[in-house]
Amino acid sequence: MGRLEGKVALITGAASGLGAACARRFAEEGARVAGFDLQEGPESDWARAQQLAPDAFLELGDVRDDARLAEVVEAVCQRWGRIDVLVSCAGVAGGGAVHQLSLEDWDFVLDVNLKGTFLACRNVLPRMLEQGSGSIVNVASVEGIEGFAGGSSYNASKGGVVLLTRNLAIDYARRGIRANVLCPGFIDTPMLRSVFALDVAAPIREEVREAHQLGRFGRPVEIANAALFLASDEASFVTGATLPVDGGYTAGHRFSTPKLMGLE
């Protein structure tokens, strides 16, 4: 307990899924937590975070809205005087074959996933520069470091987050600010369940699950635990890292070799 004691964390996408799981874990470890999301949502992890940290609060808004993000950063600093950690979890699914993808769909996915991450960092960085310290944890995806059929806009947006984060690490390391990026595998969240509820995606659900070497989808808390490490002082010499938390999804392919070797 207490790995983030006294630290102030701003988490985008905090009302559900990975963001809510991060909010809960951070609160369990003593952080003061401010969330930002489009709507409150029913996610129990955010409610649990508020129980653990009674002063936790959720601001509503869109990560594409630069002015609103500036207001939220100001509100956090007015209340607690600083922002030690930014976790950018807000994101949307999307994709399709490029020749079939509308400009509107492309812009929406890139604006939320990549531009939204950029804007969150852009608004928090001046505060961290004033402090001379800070930890940024951006959430990308395994689809940001390797291809996935039909991924197009989603893969492009998450790949952009990976390289944006590496540049943040280079630009701000000498000012005491660390920046790292998490690349989750397929995690059992409301967003993933909604994707597999689509007729076009439902048939490949088990195929995708089996592509993880651990043979299952991840749990939100497993991503939150990794984010907690990167946000904490335990990761004081970690910056510019791209960390897959993916149950072995990016390790390689199984085929039938383990069975031939008697490993199954």
C-alpha atoms as a PDB file:
ATOM      1  CA  MET A   1       0.000   0.000   0.000  1.00  0.00           C
ATOM      2  CA  GLY A   2       0.996   3.658  -0.437  1.00  0.00           C
ATOM      3  CA  ARG A   3       3.061   3.409  -3.629  1.00  0.00           C
ATOM      4  CA  LEU A   4       1.434   6.648  -4.862  1.00  0.00           C
ATOM      5  CA  GLU A   5       0.917   8.231  -1.467  1.00  0.00           C
ATOM      6  CA  GLY A   6       0.586  12.007  -1.784  1.00  0.00           C
ATOM      7  CA  LYS A   7       0.667  12.006  -5.586  1.00  0.00           C
ATOM      8  CA  VAL A   8      -2.011  13.588  -7.762  1.00  0.00           C
ATOM      9  CA  ALA A   9      -3.156  11.648 -10.824  1.00  0.00           C
ATOM     10  CA  LEU A  10      -5.327  12.765 -13.731  1.00  0.00           C
ATOM     11  CA  ILE A  11      -6.822   9.867 -15.693  1.00  0.00           C
ATOM     12  CA  THR A  12      -8.690  10.279 -18.964  1.00  0.00           C
ATOM     13  CA  GLY A  13     -11.323   7.715 -19.854  1.00  0.00           C
ATOM     14  CA  ALA A  14     -11.712   7.163 -16.114  1.00  0.00           C
ATOM     15  CA  ALA A  15     -15.419   6.305 -15.979  1.00  0.00           C
ATOM     16  CA  SER A  16     -15.110   2.779 -17.343  1.00  0.00           C
ATOM     17  CA  GLY A  17     -12.804   0.054 -18.582  1.00  0.00           C
ATOM     18  CA  LEU A  18      -9.061   0.519 -18.231  1.00  0.00           C
ATOM     19  CA  GLY A  19      -9.342   4.091 -16.966  1.00  0.00           C
ATOM     20  CA  ALA A  20     -11.672   3.110 -14.134  1.00  0.00           C
ATOM     21  CA  ALA A  21      -9.412   0.193 -13.203  1.00  0.00           C
ATOM     22  CA  CYS A  22      -6.448   2.599 -13.050  1.00  0.00           C
ATOM     23  CA  ALA A  23      -8.440   5.009 -10.906  1.00  0.00           C
ATOM     24  CA  ARG A  24      -9.238   2.246  -8.441  1.00  0.00           C
ATOM     25  CA  ARG A  25      -5.680   0.906  -8.212  1.00  0.00           C
ATOM     26  CA  PHE A  26      -4.223   4.382  -7.861  1.00  0.00           C
ATOM     27  CA  ALA A  27      -6.686   5.208  -5.087  1.00  0.00           C
ATOM     28  CA  GLU A  28      -5.790   1.952  -3.339  1.00  0.00           C
ATOM     29  CA  GLU A  29      -2.162   3.069  -3.381  1.00  0.00           C
ATOM     30  CA  GLY A  30      -2.857   6.467  -1.851  1.00  0.00           C
ATOM     31  CA  ALA A  31      -3.158   8.754  -4.881  1.00  0.00           C
ATOM     32  CA  ARG A  32      -5.503  11.677  -5.185  1.00  0.00           C
ATOM     33  CA  VAL A  33      -7.453  10.879  -8.326  1.00  0.00           C
ATOM     34  CA  ALA A  34      -9.163  13.164 -10.815  1.00  0.00           C
ATOM     35  CA  GLY A  35     -10.996  11.536 -13.710  1.00  0.00           C
ATOM     36  CA  PHE A  36     -12.056  12.879 -17.079  1.00  0.00           C
ATOM     37  CA  ASP A  37     -14.601  11.227 -19.360  1.00  0.00           C
ATOM     38  CA  LEU A  38     -17.558  11.892 -21.641  1.00  0.00           C
ATOM     39  CA  GLN A  39     -20.061  10.566 -19.128  1.00  0.00           C
ATOM     40  CA  GLU A  40     -20.139   8.976 -15.705  1.00  0.00           C
ATOM     41  CA  GLY A  41     -21.144   5.470 -16.744  1.00  0.00           C
ATOM     42  CA  PRO A  42     -21.976   2.507 -14.478  1.00  0.00           C
ATOM     43  CA  GLU A  43     -18.437   1.150 -14.066  1.00  0.00           C
ATOM     44  CA  SER A  44     -17.984  -0.169 -10.520  1.00  0.00           C
ATOM     45  CA  ASP A  45     -14.227   0.488 -10.452  1.00  0.00           C
ATOM     46  CA  TRP A  46     -14.749   4.256 -10.580  1.00  0.00           C
ATOM     47  CA  ALA A  47     -17.300   4.017  -7.759  1.00  0.00           C
ATOM     48  CA  ARG A  48     -14.784   1.973  -5.782  1.00  0.00           C
ATOM     49  CA  ALA A  49     -12.101   4.579  -6.422  1.00  0.00           C
ATOM     50  CA  GLN A  50     -14.371   7.237  -4.954  1.00  0.00           C
ATOM     51  CA  GLN A  51     -14.981   5.076  -1.884  1.00  0.00           C
ATOM     52  CA  LEU A  52     -11.254   4.612  -1.384  1.00  0.00           C
ATOM     53  CA  ALA A  53     -10.459   8.261  -2.060  1.00  0.00           C
ATOM     54  CA  PRO A  54     -13.441  10.373  -0.959  1.00  0.00           C
ATOM     55  CA  ASP A  55     -11.953  13.510  -2.526  1.00  0.00           C
ATOM     56  CA  ALA A  56     -11.717  11.850  -5.965  1.00  0.00           C
ATOM     57  CA  PHE A  57     -13.769  13.630  -8.594  1.00  0.00           C
ATOM     58  CA  LEU A  58     -14.820  13.081 -12.183  1.00  0.00           C
ATOM     59  CA  GLU A  59     -14.977  15.934 -14.695  1.00  0.00           C
ATOM     60  CA  LEU A  60     -17.034  15.495 -17.846  1.00  0.00           C
ATOM     61  CA  GLY A  61     -15.763  16.402 -21.284  1.00  0.00           C
ATOM     62  CA  ASP A  62     -14.247  15.265 -24.556  1.00  0.00           C
ATOM     63  CA  VAL A  63     -10.501  14.658 -24.954  1.00  0.00           C
ATOM     64  CA  ARG A  64     -10.765  16.333 -28.371  1.00  0.00           C
ATOM     65  CA  ASP A  65     -11.733  19.584 -26.613  1.00  0.00           C
ATOM     66  CA  ASP A  66      -8.517  21.451 -25.835  1.00  0.00           C
ATOM     67  CA  ALA A  67     -10.255  24.237 -23.904  1.00  0.00           C
ATOM     68  CA  ARG A  68     -12.133  21.778 -21.708  1.00  0.00           C
ATOM     69  CA  LEU A  69      -8.951  19.855 -20.923  1.00  0.00           C
ATOM     70  CA  ALA A  70      -7.288  23.120 -19.931  1.00  0.00           C
ATOM     71  CA  GLU A  71     -10.195  23.829 -17.544  1.00  0.00           C
ATOM     72  CA  VAL A  72      -9.893  20.396 -15.964  1.00  0.00           C
ATOM     73  CA  VAL A  73      -6.129  20.688 -15.475  1.00  0.00           C
ATOM     74  CA  GLU A  74      -6.703  24.074 -13.847  1.00  0.00           C
ATOM     75  CA  ALA A  75      -9.400  22.599 -11.585  1.00  0.00           C
ATOM     76  CA  VAL A  76      -7.079  19.797 -10.447  1.00  0.00           C
ATOM     77  CA  CYS A  77      -4.267  22.232  -9.717  1.00  0.00           C
ATOM     78  CA  GLN A  78      -6.591  24.614  -7.910  1.00  0.00           C
ATOM     79  CA  ARG A  79      -7.711  21.774  -5.659  1.00  0.00           C
ATOM     80  CA  TRP A  80      -4.408  19.963  -5.059  1.00  0.00           C
ATOM     81  CA  GLY A  81      -1.704  22.278  -6.329  1.00  0.00           C
ATOM     82  CA  ARG A  82      -0.035  19.895  -8.781  1.00  0.00           C
ATOM     83  CA  ILE A  83      -0.374  16.963 -11.184  1.00  0.00           C
ATOM     84  CA  ASP A  84       2.187  14.217 -10.689  1.00  0.00           C
ATOM     85  CA  VAL A  85       0.755  11.583 -13.021  1.00  0.00           C
ATOM     86  CA  LEU A  86      -1.200  11.633 -16.263  1.00  0.00           C
ATOM     87  CA  VAL A  87      -2.741   8.391 -17.526  1.00  0.00           C
ATOM     88  CA  SER A  88      -4.317   8.735 -20.979  1.00  0.00           C
ATOM     89  CA  CYS A  89      -6.824   5.908 -21.319  1.00  0.00           C
ATOM     90  CA  ALA A  90      -9.592   7.566 -23.340  1.00  0.00           C
ATOM     91  CA  GLY A  91     -10.056   5.810 -26.645  1.00  0.00           C
ATOM     92  CA  VAL A  92     -12.467   4.393 -29.193  1.00  0.00           C
ATOM     93  CA  ALA A  93     -12.489   1.352 -31.468  1.00  0.00           C
ATOM     94  CA  GLY A  94     -12.637   1.602 -35.225  1.00  0.00           C
ATOM     95  CA  GLY A  95     -11.166   0.465 -38.492  1.00  0.00           C
ATOM     96  CA  GLY A  96     -11.992  -1.225 -41.760  1.00  0.00           C
ATOM     97  CA  ALA A  97     -10.415  -1.694 -45.144  1.00  0.00           C
ATOM     98  CA  VAL A  98      -8.840   1.599 -46.208  1.00  0.00           C
ATOM     99  CA  HIS A  99     -10.708   1.869 -49.523  1.00  0.00           C
ATOM    100  CA  GLN A 100     -14.001   1.431 -47.656  1.00  0.00           C
ATOM    101  CA  LEU A 101     -13.273   3.740 -44.726  1.00  0.00           C
ATOM    102  CA  SER A 102     -15.004   7.110 -44.671  1.00  0.00           C
ATOM    103  CA  LEU A 103     -13.072  10.256 -43.898  1.00  0.00           C
ATOM    104  CA  GLU A 104     -15.416  10.888 -40.990  1.00  0.00           C
ATOM    105  CA  ASP A 105     -14.636   7.505 -39.409  1.00  0.00           C
ATOM    106  CA  TRP A 106     -10.889   7.962 -39.950  1.00  0.00           C
ATOM    107  CA  ASP A 107     -10.922  11.440 -38.415  1.00  0.00           C
ATOM    108  CA  PHE A 108     -13.003  10.326 -35.430  1.00  0.00           C
ATOM    109  CA  VAL A 109     -10.666   7.485 -34.426  1.00  0.00           C
ATOM    110  CA  LEU A 110      -7.482   9.513 -34.975  1.00  0.00           C
ATOM    111  CA  ASP A 111      -8.908  12.541 -33.185  1.00  0.00           C
ATOM    112  CA  VAL A 112      -9.937  10.642 -30.063  1.00  0.00           C
ATOM    113  CA  ASN A 113      -7.078   8.179 -29.774  1.00  0.00           C
ATOM    114  CA  LEU A 114      -4.093  10.186 -31.000  1.00  0.00           C
ATOM    115  CA  LYS A 115      -5.064  13.847 -30.884  1.00  0.00           C
ATOM    116  CA  GLY A 116      -6.841  13.312 -27.543  1.00  0.00           C
ATOM    117  CA  THR A 117      -3.662  11.830 -26.064  1.00  0.00           C
ATOM    118  CA  PHE A 118      -1.620  14.705 -27.489  1.00  0.00           C
ATOM    119  CA  LEU A 119      -3.993  17.304 -26.031  1.00  0.00           C
ATOM    120  CA  ALA A 120      -4.009  15.708 -22.593  1.00  0.00           C
ATOM    121  CA  CYS A 121      -0.192  15.706 -22.562  1.00  0.00           C
ATOM    122  CA  ARG A 122      -0.040  19.225 -23.973  1.00  0.00           C
ATOM    123  CA  ASN A 123      -2.191  20.600 -21.166  1.00  0.00           C
ATOM    124  CA  VAL A 124      -0.506  18.739 -18.324  1.00  0.00           C
ATOM    125  CA  LEU A 125       3.117  19.256 -19.358  1.00  0.00           C
ATOM    126  CA  PRO A 126       3.377  22.953 -18.386  1.00  0.00           C
ATOM    127  CA  ARG A 127       2.402  22.019 -14.806  1.00  0.00           C
ATOM    128  CA  MET A 128       4.927  19.207 -14.709  1.00  0.00           C
ATOM    129  CA  LEU A 129       7.602  21.512 -16.094  1.00  0.00           C
ATOM    130  CA  GLU A 130       6.894  23.989 -13.296  1.00  0.00           C
ATOM    131  CA  GLN A 131       7.219  21.186 -10.746  1.00  0.00           C
ATOM    132  CA  GLY A 132      10.296  19.684 -12.362  1.00  0.00           C
ATOM    133  CA  SER A 133       8.756  16.225 -12.160  1.00  0.00           C
ATOM    134  CA  GLY A 134       6.002  14.046 -13.527  1.00  0.00           C
ATOM    135  CA  SER A 135       5.090  10.694 -15.020  1.00  0.00           C
ATOM    136  CA  ILE A 136       3.033  10.275 -18.190  1.00  0.00           C
ATOM    137  CA  VAL A 137       1.531   6.880 -18.961  1.00  0.00           C
ATOM    138  CA  ASN A 138      -0.170   6.708 -22.339  1.00  0.00           C
ATOM    139  CA  VAL A 139      -2.262   3.699 -23.259  1.00  0.00           C
ATOM    140  CA  ALA A 140      -1.840   2.433 -26.807  1.00  0.00           C
ATOM    141  CA  SER A 141      -2.400  -1.190 -27.877  1.00  0.00           C
ATOM    142  CA  VAL A 142      -0.643  -4.224 -29.290  1.00  0.00           C
ATOM    143  CA  GLU A 143      -2.226  -2.969 -32.496  1.00  0.00           C
ATOM    144  CA  GLY A 144       0.066   0.033 -32.226  1.00  0.00           C
ATOM    145  CA  ILE A 145       3.166  -2.136 -32.570  1.00  0.00           C
ATOM    146  CA  GLU A 146       1.979  -4.747 -35.067  1.00  0.00           C
ATOM    147  CA  GLY A 147      -0.716  -5.027 -37.693  1.00  0.00           C
ATOM    148  CA  PHE A 148      -4.182  -6.493 -37.357  1.00  0.00           C
ATOM    149  CA  ALA A 149      -6.323  -7.214 -40.399  1.00  0.00           C
ATOM    150  CA  GLY A 150      -8.765  -4.369 -40.945  1.00  0.00           C
ATOM    151  CA  GLY A 151      -7.187  -2.275 -38.188  1.00  0.00           C
ATOM    152  CA  SER A 152      -6.361   0.755 -40.400  1.00  0.00           C
ATOM    153  CA  SER A 153      -7.431   3.813 -38.386  1.00  0.00           C
ATOM    154  CA  TYR A 154      -7.160   2.149 -34.975  1.00  0.00           C
ATOM    155  CA  ASN A 155      -3.699   0.758 -35.667  1.00  0.00           C
ATOM    156  CA  ALA A 156      -2.543   4.078 -37.086  1.00  0.00           C
ATOM    157  CA  SER A 157      -3.828   5.988 -34.072  1.00  0.00           C
ATOM    158  CA  LYS A 158      -2.218   3.659 -31.539  1.00  0.00           C
ATOM    159  CA  GLY A 159       1.044   3.501 -33.473  1.00  0.00           C
ATOM    160  CA  GLY A 160       1.047   7.284 -33.324  1.00  0.00           C
ATOM    161  CA  VAL A 161       0.604   7.164 -29.551  1.00  0.00           C
ATOM    162  CA  VAL A 162       3.629   4.871 -29.262  1.00  0.00           C
ATOM    163  CA  LEU A 163       5.936   7.226 -31.170  1.00  0.00           C
ATOM    164  CA  LEU A 164       4.463  10.352 -29.587  1.00  0.00           C
ATOM    165  CA  THR A 165       5.307   8.897 -26.181  1.00  0.00           C
ATOM    166  CA  ARG A 166       8.870   8.084 -27.184  1.00  0.00           C
ATOM    167  CA  ASN A 167       9.314  11.670 -28.315  1.00  0.00           C
ATOM    168  CA  LEU A 168       7.931  12.938 -25.024  1.00  0.00           C
ATOM    169  CA  ALA A 169      10.513  10.830 -23.218  1.00  0.00           C
ATOM    170  CA  ILE A 170      13.312  12.348 -25.299  1.00  0.00           C
ATOM    171  CA  ASP A 171      12.106  15.936 -25.040  1.00  0.00           C
ATOM    172  CA  TYR A 172      11.327  16.091 -21.325  1.00  0.00           C
ATOM    173  CA  ALA A 173      13.630  13.600 -19.574  1.00  0.00           C
ATOM    174  CA  ARG A 174      16.140  16.285 -18.558  1.00  0.00           C
ATOM    175  CA  ARG A 175      13.288  18.253 -16.985  1.00  0.00           C
ATOM    176  CA  GLY A 176      12.368  15.404 -14.631  1.00  0.00           C
ATOM    177  CA  ILE A 177       9.395  14.091 -16.606  1.00  0.00           C
ATOM    178  CA  ARG A 178       9.118  10.438 -17.579  1.00  0.00           C
ATOM    179  CA  ALA A 179       6.858   9.178 -20.389  1.00  0.00           C
ATOM    180  CA  ASN A 180       6.011   5.559 -21.116  1.00  0.00           C
ATOM    181  CA  VAL A 181       3.388   3.746 -23.161  1.00  0.00           C
ATOM    182  CA  LEU A 182       1.397   0.622 -22.334  1.00  0.00           C
ATOM    183  CA  CYS A 183       0.316  -1.681 -25.158  1.00  0.00           C
ATOM    184  CA  PRO A 184      -2.460  -3.903 -23.835  1.00  0.00           C
ATOM    185  CA  GLY A 185      -3.526  -7.056 -25.576  1.00  0.00           C
ATOM    186  CA  PHE A 186      -7.229  -7.717 -25.911  1.00  0.00           C
ATOM    187  CA  ILE A 187      -8.708  -6.870 -22.514  1.00  0.00           C
ATOM    188  CA  ASP A 188     -12.174  -7.798 -21.262  1.00  0.00           C
ATOM    189  CA  THR A 189     -13.683  -4.318 -21.192  1.00  0.00           C
ATOM    190  CA  PRO A 190     -17.045  -2.916 -22.284  1.00  0.00           C
ATOM    191  CA  MET A 191     -15.384  -1.668 -25.489  1.00  0.00           C
ATOM    192  CA  LEU A 192     -14.025  -5.115 -26.387  1.00  0.00           C
ATOM    193  CA  ARG A 193     -17.358  -6.759 -25.634  1.00  0.00           C
ATOM    194  CA  SER A 194     -19.117  -4.261 -27.872  1.00  0.00           C
ATOM    195  CA  VAL A 195     -16.695  -5.012 -30.719  1.00  0.00           C
ATOM    196  CA  PHE A 196     -17.243  -8.761 -30.472  1.00  0.00           C
ATOM    197  CA  ALA A 197     -20.978  -8.207 -30.311  1.00  0.00           C
ATOM    198  CA  LEU A 198     -20.832  -7.065 -33.964  1.00  0.00           C
ATOM    199  CA  ASP A 199     -21.788  -9.733 -36.479  1.00  0.00           C
ATOM    200  CA  VAL A 200     -18.557  -9.232 -38.422  1.00  0.00           C
ATOM    201  CA  ALA A 201     -16.333  -9.708 -35.352  1.00  0.00           C
ATOM    202  CA  ALA A 202     -18.139 -12.395 -33.352  1.00  0.00           C
ATOM    203  CA  PRO A 203     -16.767 -15.367 -35.385  1.00  0.00           C
ATOM    204  CA  ILE A 204     -13.132 -14.513 -34.619  1.00  0.00           C
ATOM    205  CA  ARG A 205     -13.517 -14.003 -30.867  1.00  0.00           C
ATOM    206  CA  GLU A 206     -12.044 -17.375 -29.901  1.00  0.00           C
ATOM    207  CA  GLU A 207      -9.340 -17.093 -32.547  1.00  0.00           C
ATOM    208  CA  VAL A 208      -8.228 -13.766 -31.064  1.00  0.00           C
ATOM    209  CA  ARG A 209      -8.372 -15.157 -27.528  1.00  0.00           C
ATOM    210  CA  GLU A 210      -6.197 -18.114 -28.541  1.00  0.00           C
ATOM    211  CA  ALA A 211      -3.640 -15.751 -30.095  1.00  0.00           C
ATOM    212  CA  HIS A 212      -2.698 -14.767 -26.531  1.00  0.00           C
ATOM    213  CA  GLN A 213      -0.143 -17.317 -25.324  1.00  0.00           C
ATOM    214  CA  LEU A 214      -1.825 -17.428 -21.919  1.00  0.00           C
ATOM    215  CA  GLY A 215      -5.004 -18.529 -23.676  1.00  0.00           C
ATOM    216  CA  ARG A 216      -7.306 -15.816 -22.350  1.00  0.00           C
ATOM    217  CA  PHE A 217      -8.226 -12.169 -22.594  1.00  0.00           C
ATOM    218  CA  GLY A 218      -6.666  -9.799 -20.097  1.00  0.00           C
ATOM    219  CA  ARG A 219      -8.365  -8.198 -17.114  1.00  0.00           C
ATOM    220  CA  PRO A 220      -8.496  -4.416 -16.637  1.00  0.00           C
ATOM    221  CA  VAL A 221      -6.706  -4.635 -13.292  1.00  0.00           C
ATOM    222  CA  GLU A 222      -3.725  -6.256 -15.046  1.00  0.00           C
ATOM    223  CA  ILE A 223      -3.291  -3.116 -17.138  1.00  0.00           C
ATOM    224  CA  ALA A 224      -3.867  -0.932 -14.089  1.00  0.00           C
ATOM    225  CA  ASN A 225      -1.098  -2.770 -12.219  1.00  0.00           C
ATOM    226  CA  ALA A 226       1.346  -2.015 -15.038  1.00  0.00           C
ATOM    227  CA  ALA A 227       0.246   1.618 -15.147  1.00  0.00           C
ATOM    228  CA  LEU A 228       0.727   1.812 -11.386  1.00  0.00           C
ATOM    229  CA  PHE A 229       4.319   0.627 -11.699  1.00  0.00           C
ATOM    230  CA  LEU A 230       5.143   3.127 -14.459  1.00  0.00           C
ATOM    231  CA  ALA A 231       3.492   5.961 -12.531  1.00  0.00           C
ATOM    232  CA  SER A 232       5.307   5.176  -9.298  1.00  0.00           C
ATOM    233  CA  ASP A 233       8.812   5.969  -8.123  1.00  0.00           C
ATOM    234  CA  GLU A 234       9.608   2.270  -8.544  1.00  0.00           C
ATOM    235  CA  ALA A 235       9.959   3.076 -12.257  1.00  0.00           C
ATOM    236  CA  SER A 236      12.231   6.069 -11.655  1.00  0.00           C
ATOM    237  CA  PHE A 237      14.731   4.863 -14.299  1.00  0.00           C
ATOM    238  CA  VAL A 238      12.084   3.895 -16.850  1.00  0.00           C
ATOM    239  CA  THR A 239      11.236   6.341 -19.611  1.00  0.00           C
ATOM    240  CA  GLY A 240      10.576   5.927 -23.314  1.00  0.00           C
ATOM    241  CA  ALA A 241       9.503   2.320 -22.753  1.00  0.00           C
ATOM    242  CA  THR A 242       6.863   0.538 -24.800  1.00  0.00           C
ATOM    243  CA  LEU A 243       5.458  -2.144 -22.526  1.00  0.00           C
ATOM    244  CA  PRO A 244       3.208  -4.848 -23.984  1.00  0.00           C
ATOM    245  CA  VAL A 245       0.837  -6.246 -21.359  1.00  0.00           C
ATOM    246  CA  ASP A 246      -0.656  -8.816 -23.638  1.00  0.00           C
ATOM    247  CA  GLY A 247      -0.520 -12.373 -22.334  1.00  0.00           C
ATOM    248  CA  GLY A 248       2.117 -13.182 -24.921  1.00  0.00           C
ATOM    249  CA  TYR A 249       0.123 -11.906 -27.897  1.00  0.00           C
ATOM    250  CA  THR A 250       3.159 -10.230 -29.477  1.00  0.00           C
ATOM    251  CA  ALA A 251       5.607 -12.984 -28.488  1.00  0.00           C
ATOM    252  CA  GLY A 252       5.025 -14.918 -31.692  1.00  0.00           C
ATOM    253  CA  HIS A 253       2.869 -17.710 -33.073  1.00  0.00           C
ATOM    254  CA  ARG A 254       2.087 -21.118 -31.602  1.00  0.00           C
ATOM    255  CA  PHE A 255       0.928 -23.271 -34.509  1.00  0.00           C
ATOM    256  CA  SER A 256       1.086 -26.911 -33.283  1.00  0.00           C
ATOM    257  CA  THR A 257       4.714 -26.968 -32.166  1.00  0.00           C
ATOM    258  CA  PRO A 258       4.095 -27.017 -28.352  1.00  0.00           C
ATOM    259  CA  LYS A 259       1.862 -30.070 -28.745  1.00  0.00           C
ATOM    260  CA  LEU A 260       4.530 -31.874 -30.796  1.00  0.00           C
ATOM    261  CA  MET A 261       7.054 -31.165 -28.035  1.00  0.00           C
ATOM    262  CA  GLY A 262       4.757 -32.556 -25.366  1.00  0.00           C
ATOM    263  CA  LEU A 263       4.141 -29.171 -23.767  1.00  0.00           C
ATOM    264  CA  GLU A 264       0.354 -29.399 -24.015  1.00  0.00           C
END
